[in-house]
Protein backbone atom coordinates (compact mmCIF):
# COMPACT_ATOMS: atom_id res chain seq x y z
CA UNK A 1 -14.36 21.28 93.13
CA UNK A 2 -15.04 23.95 95.63
CA UNK A 3 -12.61 26.83 95.31
CA UNK A 4 -12.02 29.99 97.22
CA UNK A 5 -13.64 31.97 94.45
CA UNK A 6 -17.43 32.46 94.17
CA UNK A 7 -19.30 30.09 91.83
CA UNK A 8 -19.54 32.59 88.97
CA UNK A 9 -15.80 33.16 89.00
CA UNK A 10 -15.13 29.44 89.18
CA UNK A 11 -17.47 28.82 86.25
CA UNK A 12 -15.73 31.47 84.16
CA UNK A 13 -12.34 29.98 85.05
CA UNK A 14 -13.54 26.52 84.08
CA UNK A 15 -14.91 27.63 80.74
CA UNK A 16 -11.62 29.35 80.03
CA UNK A 17 -9.83 26.17 81.00
CA UNK A 18 -11.72 23.73 78.82
CA UNK A 19 -13.14 25.90 76.10
CA UNK A 20 -9.69 27.40 75.74
CA UNK A 21 -7.62 24.48 76.95
CA UNK A 22 -9.71 21.58 78.24
CA UNK A 23 -7.72 21.07 81.40
CA UNK A 24 -4.24 22.16 82.30
CA UNK A 25 -0.91 20.52 82.59
CA UNK A 26 2.14 20.12 80.44
CA UNK A 27 3.19 18.28 77.42
CA UNK A 28 5.88 15.67 77.81
CA UNK A 29 8.47 17.12 75.49
CA UNK A 30 11.11 14.86 76.98
CA UNK A 31 9.00 11.73 76.85
CA UNK A 32 9.99 8.96 74.47
CA UNK A 33 7.15 7.54 72.43
CA UNK A 34 7.16 3.77 72.63
CA UNK A 35 4.52 3.38 69.99
CA UNK A 36 2.65 5.73 67.71
CA UNK A 37 -0.89 6.79 68.51
CA UNK A 38 -3.38 3.95 68.17
CA UNK A 39 -7.06 4.42 67.45
CA UNK A 40 -8.23 0.80 67.38
CA UNK A 41 -7.30 -2.08 69.64
CA UNK A 42 -9.45 -1.72 72.76
CA UNK A 43 -7.55 -4.65 74.29
CA UNK A 44 -4.31 -2.78 73.73
CA UNK A 45 -5.62 0.25 75.57
CA UNK A 46 -6.88 -1.94 78.40
CA UNK A 47 -3.48 -3.64 78.71
CA UNK A 48 -1.74 -0.28 78.63
CA UNK A 49 -3.82 1.06 81.52
CA UNK A 50 -4.18 -2.02 83.71
CA UNK A 51 -0.53 -2.68 84.68
CA UNK A 52 -0.22 0.87 85.99
CA UNK A 53 -3.22 0.90 88.27
CA UNK A 54 -4.63 -0.67 91.38
CA UNK A 55 -7.25 -2.12 89.05
CA UNK A 56 -4.72 -4.61 87.71
CA UNK A 57 -4.97 -6.48 91.02
CA UNK A 58 -8.73 -6.92 90.69
CA UNK A 59 -10.42 -9.79 88.82
CA UNK A 60 -12.43 -7.12 87.01
CA UNK A 61 -13.04 -3.40 87.27
CA UNK A 62 -14.99 -3.12 90.55
CA UNK A 63 -18.50 -1.75 90.39
CA UNK A 64 -17.93 0.35 93.51
CA UNK A 65 -14.69 1.61 94.96
CA UNK A 66 -13.27 4.53 96.87
CA UNK A 67 -9.91 6.30 96.82
CA UNK A 68 -8.12 9.21 98.43
CA UNK A 69 -7.15 12.01 96.06
CA UNK A 70 -4.72 14.90 96.18
CA UNK A 71 -5.11 17.61 93.58
CA UNK A 72 -2.08 19.78 92.85
CA UNK A 73 -2.13 22.93 90.78
CA UNK A 74 0.71 25.27 89.93
CA UNK A 75 -0.09 28.85 88.99
CA UNK A 76 3.14 30.68 88.30
CA UNK A 77 5.27 30.04 91.36
CA UNK A 78 2.30 29.24 93.58
CA UNK A 79 1.52 25.63 94.41
CA UNK A 80 -2.02 25.03 95.62
CA UNK A 81 -2.98 21.68 97.09
CA UNK A 82 -6.29 20.19 98.12
CA UNK A 83 -7.17 16.70 99.25
CA UNK A 84 -10.26 14.60 99.65
CA UNK A 85 -11.94 11.39 98.53
CA UNK A 86 -13.75 9.94 95.55
CA UNK A 87 -16.52 7.35 95.43
CA UNK A 88 -17.24 5.57 92.15
CA UNK A 89 -20.45 3.60 91.55
CA UNK A 90 -20.86 1.84 88.20
CA UNK A 91 -24.66 2.13 88.44
CA UNK A 92 -24.87 5.75 89.56
CA UNK A 93 -21.71 7.72 88.84
CA UNK A 94 -18.96 9.56 90.69
CA UNK A 95 -18.78 11.72 93.84
CA UNK A 96 -15.67 13.86 94.36
CA UNK A 97 -15.41 15.34 97.86
CA UNK A 98 -12.82 17.95 98.86
CA UNK A 99 -11.99 17.93 102.55
CA UNK A 100 -9.23 20.56 102.74
CA UNK A 101 -8.69 23.43 102.53
CA UNK A 102 -12.26 24.36 101.57
CA UNK A 103 -14.89 21.60 101.86
CA UNK A 104 -17.20 20.90 98.96
CA UNK A 105 -18.53 18.17 96.69
CA UNK A 106 -19.03 17.59 93.00
CA UNK A 107 -21.45 14.90 91.82
CA UNK A 108 -21.27 13.36 88.34
CA UNK A 109 -24.40 11.23 88.16
CA UNK A 110 -25.29 9.14 85.13
CA UNK A 111 -27.37 10.88 82.50
CA UNK A 112 -25.09 13.96 82.54
CA UNK A 113 -26.65 15.09 85.82
CA UNK A 114 -23.79 17.12 87.27
CA UNK A 115 -23.89 19.16 90.47
CA UNK A 116 -21.62 21.09 92.80
CA UNK A 117 -22.41 21.47 96.51
CA UNK A 118 -20.74 24.16 98.60
CA UNK A 119 -19.75 23.72 102.26
CA UNK A 120 -23.39 24.34 103.28
CA UNK A 121 -24.53 21.67 100.79
CA UNK A 122 -26.23 24.33 98.66
CA UNK A 123 -26.36 22.90 95.09
CA UNK A 124 -25.36 24.47 91.79
CA UNK A 125 -25.81 22.80 88.41
CA UNK A 126 -22.72 22.02 86.34
CA UNK A 127 -24.34 22.36 82.95
CA UNK A 128 -21.93 24.50 80.95
CA UNK A 129 -20.29 22.97 77.88
CA UNK A 130 -16.89 22.74 79.57
CA UNK A 131 -18.32 21.34 82.79
CA UNK A 132 -20.27 18.67 80.94
CA UNK A 133 -17.26 17.63 78.90
CA UNK A 134 -15.10 17.35 81.99
CA UNK A 135 -17.82 15.39 83.77
CA UNK A 136 -18.20 12.88 80.94
CA UNK A 137 -14.45 12.26 80.70
CA UNK A 138 -14.10 11.86 84.47
CA UNK A 139 -16.92 9.32 84.45
CA UNK A 140 -15.26 7.33 81.68
CA UNK A 141 -11.86 7.39 83.41
CA UNK A 142 -13.08 6.37 86.85
CA UNK A 143 -15.51 3.77 85.51
CA UNK A 144 -12.82 2.25 83.27
CA UNK A 145 -15.06 2.62 80.22
CA UNK A 146 -12.53 1.58 77.59
CA UNK A 147 -15.07 1.82 74.76
CA UNK A 148 -16.00 5.42 75.58
CA UNK A 149 -12.37 6.46 76.03
CA UNK A 150 -11.49 4.83 72.73
CA UNK A 151 -14.20 6.75 70.91
CA UNK A 152 -12.88 10.06 72.24
CA UNK A 153 -9.12 9.43 72.35
CA UNK A 154 -6.27 7.74 70.55
CA UNK A 155 -3.55 6.43 72.88
CA UNK A 156 0.19 5.89 73.00
CA UNK A 157 2.67 4.44 75.44
CA UNK A 158 5.31 6.89 76.62
CA UNK A 159 8.53 6.58 78.57
CA UNK A 160 9.21 8.04 82.00
CA UNK A 161 9.43 11.79 82.30
CA UNK A 162 11.37 14.07 84.57
CA UNK A 163 12.17 12.61 87.97
CA UNK A 164 11.26 9.07 86.95
CA UNK A 165 13.33 6.07 85.99
CA UNK A 166 13.48 5.76 82.23
CA UNK A 167 12.29 2.42 80.94
CA UNK A 168 10.65 1.46 84.23
CA UNK A 169 7.86 3.96 84.85
CA UNK A 170 5.86 3.75 81.69
CA UNK A 171 2.62 5.57 81.13
CA UNK A 172 -0.20 5.87 78.64
CA UNK A 173 -1.22 9.16 77.06
CA UNK A 174 -4.79 9.66 75.82
CA UNK A 175 -4.81 12.00 72.81
CA UNK A 176 -8.05 13.75 71.78
CA UNK A 177 -9.43 12.63 68.43
CA UNK A 178 -11.47 15.81 68.01
CA UNK A 179 -9.14 18.25 66.15
CA UNK A 180 -10.62 21.28 67.89
CA UNK A 181 -9.99 19.80 71.31
CA UNK A 182 -6.57 18.49 70.27
CA UNK A 183 -5.55 22.04 69.36
CA UNK A 184 -5.96 22.91 73.03
CA UNK A 185 -5.36 19.64 74.87
CA UNK A 186 -2.20 17.67 74.14
CA UNK A 187 -3.37 14.71 76.15
CA UNK A 188 -4.12 13.09 79.48
CA UNK A 189 -1.20 11.10 80.89
CA UNK A 190 -1.99 8.23 83.27
CA UNK A 191 0.78 6.57 85.28
CA UNK A 192 0.67 4.27 88.28
CA UNK A 193 2.34 1.45 90.17
CA UNK A 194 -0.54 -0.52 91.64
CA UNK A 195 -0.63 1.67 94.75
CA UNK A 196 -0.87 5.21 93.40
CA UNK A 197 -2.33 6.45 90.14
CA UNK A 198 -1.38 9.84 88.74
CA UNK A 199 -3.48 11.63 86.13
CA UNK A 200 -1.80 14.64 84.52
CA UNK A 201 -3.45 16.97 82.05
CA UNK A 202 -1.21 18.34 79.29
CA UNK A 203 -2.13 21.57 77.56
CA UNK A 204 -1.13 21.88 73.91
CA UNK A 205 1.93 24.03 73.33
CA UNK A 206 3.34 23.94 76.86
CA UNK A 207 6.58 22.28 77.89
CA UNK A 208 6.46 19.54 80.47
CA UNK A 209 7.39 20.31 84.02
CA UNK A 210 7.05 18.09 87.02
CA UNK A 211 3.79 17.80 88.91
CA UNK A 212 1.00 20.29 88.34
CA UNK A 213 -0.54 21.44 91.50
CA UNK A 214 -3.95 21.89 92.41
CA UNK A 215 -6.91 23.27 93.78
CA UNK A 216 -7.67 26.36 95.58
CA UNK A 217 -9.60 23.80 97.45
CA UNK A 218 -11.34 23.06 94.24
CA UNK A 219 -12.13 19.89 92.46
CA UNK A 220 -12.10 19.01 88.81
CA UNK A 221 -14.39 21.68 87.47
CA UNK A 222 -12.52 24.71 88.81
CA UNK A 223 -9.39 24.65 86.72
CA UNK A 224 -7.92 27.84 85.38
CA UNK A 225 -4.89 27.75 83.12
CA UNK A 226 -1.81 26.33 84.82
CA UNK A 227 -0.44 22.86 85.54
CA UNK A 228 -2.70 20.23 87.01
CA UNK A 229 -2.28 16.76 88.44
CA UNK A 230 -4.41 14.35 90.42
CA UNK A 231 -2.76 11.73 92.64
CA UNK A 232 -4.96 8.88 93.82
CA UNK A 233 -4.13 6.21 96.38
CA UNK A 234 -5.77 4.25 99.18
CA UNK A 235 -8.01 2.46 96.70
CA UNK A 236 -10.57 0.16 98.26
CA UNK A 237 -13.09 -2.07 96.51
CA UNK A 238 -16.50 -1.76 98.16
CA UNK A 239 -19.29 -4.35 98.30
CA UNK A 240 -21.69 -4.29 95.36
CA UNK A 241 -24.74 -3.31 97.42
CA UNK A 242 -27.81 -1.77 95.87
CA UNK A 243 -30.47 0.73 96.79
CA UNK A 244 -30.19 2.26 100.27
CA UNK A 245 -27.24 0.04 101.14
CA UNK A 246 -25.23 1.55 98.27
CA UNK A 247 -25.99 5.06 99.50
CA UNK A 248 -24.89 4.14 103.02
CA UNK A 249 -21.70 2.64 101.60
CA UNK A 250 -21.04 5.92 99.80
CA UNK A 251 -21.69 7.99 102.93
CA UNK A 252 -19.53 5.72 105.08
CA UNK A 253 -16.61 5.96 102.67
CA UNK A 254 -16.70 9.72 102.15
CA UNK A 255 -17.35 10.38 105.84
CA UNK A 256 -14.77 7.92 107.19
CA UNK A 257 -12.69 9.46 109.98
CA UNK A 258 -14.87 12.58 110.07
CA UNK A 259 -16.00 12.19 113.68
CA UNK A 260 -16.67 15.65 115.06
CA UNK A 261 -16.45 17.26 111.60
CA UNK A 262 -20.08 18.12 111.05
CA UNK A 263 -19.47 19.88 107.72
CA UNK A 264 -17.73 16.88 106.19
CA UNK A 265 -20.34 14.42 107.48
CA UNK A 266 -23.19 16.51 106.11
CA UNK A 267 -21.45 16.97 102.76
CA UNK A 268 -20.90 13.21 102.49
CA UNK A 269 -24.60 12.59 103.12
CA UNK A 270 -25.70 15.30 100.70
CA UNK A 271 -23.28 14.23 97.96
CA UNK A 272 -24.34 10.59 98.16
CA UNK A 273 -28.01 11.52 98.19
CA UNK A 274 -27.45 13.71 95.12
CA UNK A 275 -25.79 10.75 93.39
CA UNK A 276 -28.79 8.53 94.20
CA UNK A 277 -31.44 11.19 93.47
CA UNK A 278 -29.91 13.75 91.11
CA UNK A 279 -33.25 14.98 89.80
CA UNK A 280 -34.29 16.19 93.24
CA UNK A 281 -31.05 18.11 93.71
CA UNK A 282 -31.11 19.56 90.20
CA UNK A 283 -34.62 20.89 90.82
CA UNK A 284 -33.42 22.41 94.07
CA UNK A 285 -30.43 24.06 92.37
CA UNK A 286 -32.59 25.48 89.61
CA UNK A 287 -35.14 26.73 92.11
CA UNK A 288 -32.48 28.56 94.10
CA UNK A 289 -31.11 30.10 90.91
CA UNK A 290 -34.42 31.75 90.03
């Protein structure tokens, strides 16, 4: 999300990341394939994902939920960590708010209306090819859109990797079906235990190492080459309100515990408003860019 670098530098880094390598991470060279890649069988993919996530405890994928997220990125010997919250709304999209070290928000509203807000809530459009591809995949992952994921990815079950108990901690790897993307992105590995979900991005041609580490305070769109991992926990299903009530639910979740932190409270309000009214914020971003 919001990194220490200025927006132009972050955008260049992102394009290098996805146009040259989609996201970053490491390929599980040591992983044992339990089954070959599968392109059909939506039910199989759903079963593969559900046992490893908090979602498996729900009667269905909730329309609205929140979670805490830690992003970890490793660049050489440096480990950069940021943390924050996400809010997912099946009718509107996804808000990803970074709280530390540098506050900021990214909004992935339906209709490919993607925005980034800096700590002053000044908007910038996320309309580059790489940014839009990342946004679409994040929406599919967080919304549990099995059909969309299946159109874009094959999948396979893999065994535990380094530091995990073989045969117990199983995971699913999503493998790009687009040959051009597959040449750069080995896959997205999703593992969880009902409490925490880990999403690791594996770059083609790199050897697996433990946990990629994240953000110069940034969120998903600011990913230069390196190793990347998102760790999500504290999932909470939220009431399926609509209209203004849904926006208040979003603001309450993202701003929870932010008493006295005016920047975080304002960012929560702005991010949720941008999710509800993306056109207004896109116009504002484009106007400021002129």
